[in-house]
């Protein structure tokens, strides 16, 4: 017999949601990010870097090595850009990095 899955419990569990941001970001960074979103102002690069770092750490803890920017413009046409947290180094190792610029 198969195990019953509680969809309500797992839905959105792999989303870097507002609740996850509130838990993982420093309070001042979270507040500034929310202000930026609410007022539609330009994102401060220092805030972007803090969010990117928290997002990268959260994603790697979940086993992610790659990420996608998924654009959904109002035209109904979507686009995706795929990238990686992993950058190979000359000595055969990897560098794990992600910044607000990305």
C-alpha atoms as a PDB file:
ATOM      1  CA  UNK A   1       0.000   0.000   0.000  1.00  0.00           C
ATOM      2  CA  UNK A   2       1.376   3.434  -0.892  1.00  0.00           C
ATOM      3  CA  UNK A   3       1.939   6.175   1.641  1.00  0.00           C
ATOM      4  CA  UNK A   4      -0.525   9.069   1.504  1.00  0.00           C
ATOM      5  CA  UNK A   5       1.088  12.421   0.646  1.00  0.00           C
ATOM      6  CA  UNK A   6      -0.158  15.569   2.372  1.00  0.00           C
ATOM      7  CA  UNK A   7      -0.055  18.046  -0.504  1.00  0.00           C
ATOM      8  CA  UNK A   8      -0.902  20.995   1.743  1.00  0.00           C
ATOM      9  CA  UNK A   9       2.176  20.207   3.849  1.00  0.00           C
ATOM     10  CA  UNK A  10       4.647  19.954   0.945  1.00  0.00           C
ATOM     11  CA  UNK A  11       3.204  22.610  -1.402  1.00  0.00           C
ATOM     12  CA  UNK A  12       5.705  25.456  -1.761  1.00  0.00           C
ATOM     13  CA  UNK A  13       8.321  23.747   0.407  1.00  0.00           C
ATOM     14  CA  UNK A  14      10.950  24.405  -2.253  1.00  0.00           C
ATOM     15  CA  UNK A  15      10.126  28.082  -2.724  1.00  0.00           C
ATOM     16  CA  UNK A  16      12.289  30.860  -1.287  1.00  0.00           C
ATOM     17  CA  UNK A  17       9.097  32.463  -0.017  1.00  0.00           C
ATOM     18  CA  UNK A  18       8.417  35.499   2.107  1.00  0.00           C
ATOM     19  CA  UNK A  19       8.276  33.274   5.205  1.00  0.00           C
ATOM     20  CA  UNK A  20      11.685  31.769   4.366  1.00  0.00           C
ATOM     21  CA  UNK A  21      13.165  35.224   3.720  1.00  0.00           C
ATOM     22  CA  UNK A  22      11.791  36.527   7.014  1.00  0.00           C
ATOM     23  CA  UNK A  23      13.372  33.574   8.833  1.00  0.00           C
ATOM     24  CA  UNK A  24      16.776  33.675   7.071  1.00  0.00           C
ATOM     25  CA  UNK A  25      17.508  37.351   6.393  1.00  0.00           C
ATOM     26  CA  UNK A  26      18.765  39.784   9.016  1.00  0.00           C
ATOM     27  CA  UNK A  27      15.771  41.803  10.256  1.00  0.00           C
ATOM     28  CA  UNK A  28      17.049  45.096   8.773  1.00  0.00           C
ATOM     29  CA  UNK A  29      17.676  43.477   5.374  1.00  0.00           C
ATOM     30  CA  UNK A  30      14.210  41.891   5.336  1.00  0.00           C
ATOM     31  CA  UNK A  31      12.554  45.210   6.245  1.00  0.00           C
ATOM     32  CA  UNK A  32      14.491  47.092   3.549  1.00  0.00           C
ATOM     33  CA  UNK A  33      13.635  44.438   0.959  1.00  0.00           C
ATOM     34  CA  UNK A  34       9.939  44.648   1.838  1.00  0.00           C
ATOM     35  CA  UNK A  35      10.060  48.439   1.569  1.00  0.00           C
ATOM     36  CA  UNK A  36      11.708  48.110  -1.852  1.00  0.00           C
ATOM     37  CA  UNK A  37       8.996  45.696  -3.039  1.00  0.00           C
ATOM     38  CA  UNK A  38       6.096  47.738  -1.631  1.00  0.00           C
ATOM     39  CA  UNK A  39       7.338  51.076  -2.980  1.00  0.00           C
ATOM     40  CA  UNK A  40       8.730  49.686  -6.249  1.00  0.00           C
ATOM     41  CA  UNK A  41      12.049  51.429  -5.717  1.00  0.00           C
ATOM     42  CA  UNK A  42      15.453  50.346  -7.034  1.00  0.00           C
ATOM     43  CA  UNK A  43      17.043  47.453  -5.156  1.00  0.00           C
ATOM     44  CA  UNK A  44      20.096  48.412  -3.110  1.00  0.00           C
ATOM     45  CA  UNK A  45      23.058  46.214  -4.260  1.00  0.00           C
ATOM     46  CA  UNK A  46      23.982  45.412  -0.628  1.00  0.00           C
ATOM     47  CA  UNK A  47      20.432  44.155   0.017  1.00  0.00           C
ATOM     48  CA  UNK A  48      20.533  42.130  -3.221  1.00  0.00           C
ATOM     49  CA  UNK A  49      23.809  40.506  -2.131  1.00  0.00           C
ATOM     50  CA  UNK A  50      22.401  39.614   1.307  1.00  0.00           C
ATOM     51  CA  UNK A  51      19.287  38.071  -0.254  1.00  0.00           C
ATOM     52  CA  UNK A  52      21.379  36.182  -2.839  1.00  0.00           C
ATOM     53  CA  UNK A  53      23.642  34.758  -0.136  1.00  0.00           C
ATOM     54  CA  UNK A  54      20.701  33.609   2.000  1.00  0.00           C
ATOM     55  CA  UNK A  55      18.978  32.144  -1.054  1.00  0.00           C
ATOM     56  CA  UNK A  56      22.118  30.277  -2.141  1.00  0.00           C
ATOM     57  CA  UNK A  57      22.653  28.800   1.340  1.00  0.00           C
ATOM     58  CA  UNK A  58      18.981  27.744   1.556  1.00  0.00           C
ATOM     59  CA  UNK A  59      19.052  26.174  -1.920  1.00  0.00           C
ATOM     60  CA  UNK A  60      22.316  24.292  -1.329  1.00  0.00           C
ATOM     61  CA  UNK A  61      20.913  22.923   1.950  1.00  0.00           C
ATOM     62  CA  UNK A  62      18.054  21.518  -0.156  1.00  0.00           C
ATOM     63  CA  UNK A  63      20.545  19.890  -2.554  1.00  0.00           C
ATOM     64  CA  UNK A  64      20.396  22.434  -5.397  1.00  0.00           C
ATOM     65  CA  UNK A  65      23.405  23.125  -7.621  1.00  0.00           C
ATOM     66  CA  UNK A  66      21.627  25.122 -10.368  1.00  0.00           C
ATOM     67  CA  UNK A  67      18.966  27.799 -10.523  1.00  0.00           C
ATOM     68  CA  UNK A  68      16.601  29.285 -13.092  1.00  0.00           C
ATOM     69  CA  UNK A  69      15.372  32.809 -13.699  1.00  0.00           C
ATOM     70  CA  UNK A  70      11.857  32.314 -15.026  1.00  0.00           C
ATOM     71  CA  UNK A  71      10.334  35.365 -16.679  1.00  0.00           C
ATOM     72  CA  UNK A  72       6.575  35.625 -17.138  1.00  0.00           C
ATOM     73  CA  UNK A  73       5.856  38.893 -18.933  1.00  0.00           C
ATOM     74  CA  UNK A  74       2.264  39.958 -19.496  1.00  0.00           C
ATOM     75  CA  UNK A  75       2.562  39.035 -23.196  1.00  0.00           C
ATOM     76  CA  UNK A  76       1.933  35.406 -22.282  1.00  0.00           C
ATOM     77  CA  UNK A  77       5.337  34.329 -23.609  1.00  0.00           C
ATOM     78  CA  UNK A  78       7.767  32.985 -21.020  1.00  0.00           C
ATOM     79  CA  UNK A  79      11.538  32.767 -20.993  1.00  0.00           C
ATOM     80  CA  UNK A  80      14.067  31.001 -18.777  1.00  0.00           C
ATOM     81  CA  UNK A  81      17.734  31.500 -18.000  1.00  0.00           C
ATOM     82  CA  UNK A  82      19.533  28.568 -16.383  1.00  0.00           C
ATOM     83  CA  UNK A  83      22.699  28.975 -14.333  1.00  0.00           C
ATOM     84  CA  UNK A  84      24.739  27.255 -11.642  1.00  0.00           C
ATOM     85  CA  UNK A  85      25.952  27.978  -8.120  1.00  0.00           C
ATOM     86  CA  UNK A  86      29.038  25.950  -9.046  1.00  0.00           C
ATOM     87  CA  UNK A  87      31.995  27.434 -10.920  1.00  0.00           C
ATOM     88  CA  UNK A  88      34.842  25.034 -11.716  1.00  0.00           C
ATOM     89  CA  UNK A  89      38.336  26.139 -10.708  1.00  0.00           C
ATOM     90  CA  UNK A  90      41.603  25.474 -12.547  1.00  0.00           C
ATOM     91  CA  UNK A  91      42.646  22.865  -9.968  1.00  0.00           C
ATOM     92  CA  UNK A  92      39.548  20.708 -10.587  1.00  0.00           C
ATOM     93  CA  UNK A  93      37.588  21.852  -7.545  1.00  0.00           C
ATOM     94  CA  UNK A  94      34.457  23.988  -7.426  1.00  0.00           C
ATOM     95  CA  UNK A  95      33.685  27.442  -6.150  1.00  0.00           C
ATOM     96  CA  UNK A  96      30.175  27.914  -4.725  1.00  0.00           C
ATOM     97  CA  UNK A  97      29.082  31.504  -5.284  1.00  0.00           C
ATOM     98  CA  UNK A  98      26.027  33.603  -6.020  1.00  0.00           C
ATOM     99  CA  UNK A  99      25.619  37.371  -5.728  1.00  0.00           C
ATOM    100  CA  UNK A 100      22.862  39.930  -6.015  1.00  0.00           C
ATOM    101  CA  UNK A 101      24.133  40.776  -9.498  1.00  0.00           C
ATOM    102  CA  UNK A 102      23.068  37.324 -10.666  1.00  0.00           C
END
